[in-house]
C-alpha atoms as a PDB file:
ATOM      1  CA  MET A   1       7.798  19.742  -3.772  1.00  0.00           C
ATOM      2  CA  SER A   2       6.965  22.261  -1.099  1.00  0.00           C
ATOM      3  CA  ILE A   3       3.912  23.706   0.532  1.00  0.00           C
ATOM      4  CA  ASN A   4       2.868  27.266  -0.249  1.00  0.00           C
ATOM      5  CA  LYS A   5       3.827  29.560   2.679  1.00  0.00           C
ATOM      6  CA  THR A   6       0.312  31.048   2.753  1.00  0.00           C
ATOM      7  CA  TYR A   7      -1.111  27.750   3.985  1.00  0.00           C
ATOM      8  CA  GLU A   8       1.400  26.884   6.706  1.00  0.00           C
ATOM      9  CA  SER A   9      -1.175  27.326   9.475  1.00  0.00           C
ATOM     10  CA  HIS A  10      -3.344  24.600   7.912  1.00  0.00           C
ATOM     11  CA  LYS A  11      -1.073  21.929   6.487  1.00  0.00           C
ATOM     12  CA  ARG A  12      -2.509  20.021   3.534  1.00  0.00           C
ATOM     13  CA  ALA A  13      -1.142  17.146   1.511  1.00  0.00           C
ATOM     14  CA  ILE A  14      -2.046  15.023  -1.473  1.00  0.00           C
ATOM     15  CA  VAL A  15      -0.674  11.499  -1.400  1.00  0.00           C
ATOM     16  CA  VAL A  16       0.036  10.124  -4.876  1.00  0.00           C
ATOM     17  CA  ALA A  17       0.091   6.357  -4.477  1.00  0.00           C
ATOM     18  CA  SER A  18       1.093   3.876  -7.143  1.00  0.00           C
ATOM     19  CA  PHE A  19       2.579   0.411  -7.359  1.00  0.00           C
ATOM     20  CA  GLY A  20       5.789   2.164  -8.349  1.00  0.00           C
ATOM     21  CA  THR A  21       8.615   1.516 -10.726  1.00  0.00           C
ATOM     22  CA  ALA A  22      12.252   0.640 -10.165  1.00  0.00           C
ATOM     23  CA  VAL A  23      13.159   1.994 -13.612  1.00  0.00           C
ATOM     24  CA  THR A  24      14.242   5.576 -13.014  1.00  0.00           C
ATOM     25  CA  ALA A  25      13.557   6.560 -16.623  1.00  0.00           C
ATOM     26  CA  SER A  26       9.933   5.438 -16.219  1.00  0.00           C
ATOM     27  CA  LEU A  27       9.729   7.304 -12.939  1.00  0.00           C
ATOM     28  CA  GLU A  28      10.812  10.499 -14.694  1.00  0.00           C
ATOM     29  CA  THR A  29       8.532  10.060 -17.707  1.00  0.00           C
ATOM     30  CA  SER A  30       5.342   8.793 -16.072  1.00  0.00           C
ATOM     31  CA  ILE A  31       5.071   9.364 -12.321  1.00  0.00           C
ATOM     32  CA  LEU A  32       6.973  12.644 -11.994  1.00  0.00           C
ATOM     33  CA  PRO A  33       4.928  14.453 -14.699  1.00  0.00           C
ATOM     34  CA  LEU A  34       1.711  13.394 -12.969  1.00  0.00           C
ATOM     35  CA  GLU A  35       2.967  14.663  -9.612  1.00  0.00           C
ATOM     36  CA  THR A  36       4.045  17.917 -11.233  1.00  0.00           C
ATOM     37  CA  ARG A  37       0.583  18.440 -12.751  1.00  0.00           C
ATOM     38  CA  ILE A  38      -1.057  17.745  -9.400  1.00  0.00           C
ATOM     39  CA  GLN A  39       1.281  20.223  -7.668  1.00  0.00           C
ATOM     40  CA  GLN A  40       0.491  22.861 -10.296  1.00  0.00           C
ATOM     41  CA  ALA A  41      -3.257  22.292  -9.879  1.00  0.00           C
ATOM     42  CA  PHE A  42      -3.049  22.386  -6.070  1.00  0.00           C
ATOM     43  CA  PRO A  43      -0.117  24.650  -5.136  1.00  0.00           C
ATOM     44  CA  GLU A  44      -1.331  24.990  -1.536  1.00  0.00           C
ATOM     45  CA  TYR A  45      -0.841  21.247  -0.953  1.00  0.00           C
ATOM     46  CA  GLN A  46       2.300  19.223  -0.325  1.00  0.00           C
ATOM     47  CA  VAL A  47       2.484  16.406  -2.879  1.00  0.00           C
ATOM     48  CA  VAL A  48       3.804  13.170  -1.401  1.00  0.00           C
ATOM     49  CA  ARG A  49       4.872  10.155  -3.470  1.00  0.00           C
ATOM     50  CA  VAL A  50       4.283   6.658  -2.133  1.00  0.00           C
ATOM     51  CA  PHE A  51       4.822   3.258  -3.709  1.00  0.00           C
ATOM     52  CA  THR A  52       2.790   0.274  -2.578  1.00  0.00           C
ATOM     53  CA  SER A  53       5.330  -2.304  -3.764  1.00  0.00           C
ATOM     54  CA  PHE A  54       7.829  -3.303  -1.095  1.00  0.00           C
ATOM     55  CA  MET A  55      10.154  -4.815  -3.725  1.00  0.00           C
ATOM     56  CA  VAL A  56      10.183  -1.612  -5.788  1.00  0.00           C
ATOM     57  CA  ARG A  57      10.904   0.503  -2.688  1.00  0.00           C
ATOM     58  CA  LYS A  58      13.665  -1.911  -1.652  1.00  0.00           C
ATOM     59  CA  LYS A  59      15.325  -1.793  -5.084  1.00  0.00           C
ATOM     60  CA  LEU A  60      15.159   1.999  -5.198  1.00  0.00           C
ATOM     61  CA  ALA A  61      16.545   2.255  -1.650  1.00  0.00           C
ATOM     62  CA  ALA A  62      19.574   0.236  -2.781  1.00  0.00           C
ATOM     63  CA  GLU A  63      20.123   2.982  -5.378  1.00  0.00           C
ATOM     64  CA  GLY A  64      19.777   5.717  -2.760  1.00  0.00           C
ATOM     65  CA  ILE A  65      16.210   6.680  -3.688  1.00  0.00           C
ATOM     66  CA  VAL A  66      13.859   6.561  -0.703  1.00  0.00           C
ATOM     67  CA  VAL A  67      10.127   6.302  -1.374  1.00  0.00           C
ATOM     68  CA  LYS A  68       7.790   5.683   1.537  1.00  0.00           C
ATOM     69  CA  SER A  69       4.963   3.202   1.806  1.00  0.00           C
ATOM     70  CA  LEU A  70       1.451   4.562   2.239  1.00  0.00           C
ATOM     71  CA  GLU A  71       1.528   3.751   5.948  1.00  0.00           C
ATOM     72  CA  GLU A  72       4.911   5.442   6.446  1.00  0.00           C
ATOM     73  CA  ALA A  73       3.810   8.553   4.578  1.00  0.00           C
ATOM     74  CA  LEU A  74       0.521   8.897   6.466  1.00  0.00           C
ATOM     75  CA  LEU A  75       2.301   8.494   9.792  1.00  0.00           C
ATOM     76  CA  ALA A  76       4.943  11.071   8.835  1.00  0.00           C
ATOM     77  CA  LEU A  77       2.265  13.533   7.696  1.00  0.00           C
ATOM     78  CA  ALA A  78       0.320  13.087  10.931  1.00  0.00           C
ATOM     79  CA  GLU A  79       3.472  13.567  12.996  1.00  0.00           C
ATOM     80  CA  ALA A  80       4.282  16.713  10.980  1.00  0.00           C
ATOM     81  CA  GLY A  81       0.882  18.172  11.830  1.00  0.00           C
ATOM     82  CA  TYR A  82      -0.875  17.867   8.496  1.00  0.00           C
ATOM     83  CA  GLU A  83      -4.595  18.384   9.000  1.00  0.00           C
ATOM     84  CA  GLU A  84      -5.908  17.522   5.542  1.00  0.00           C
ATOM     85  CA  VAL A  85      -4.685  14.589   3.480  1.00  0.00           C
END
């Protein structure tokens, strides 16, 4: 999901944190629709997915799906110059 060009001078993000799921079908039917609704409600914000479960992130990474931890996402957002999270 991408940030609206109008707001590039003031980068904003919403971090959607959950335990996570390693079942891709569940990801597509539960987490993705929620993220989509948040993005539609706040189009000027970047929506960032994080999973708190290390084991879920590890399993997904083995399948080529990278999901950051909360700490990793916050650090990346800070380094990218996001001012509102």
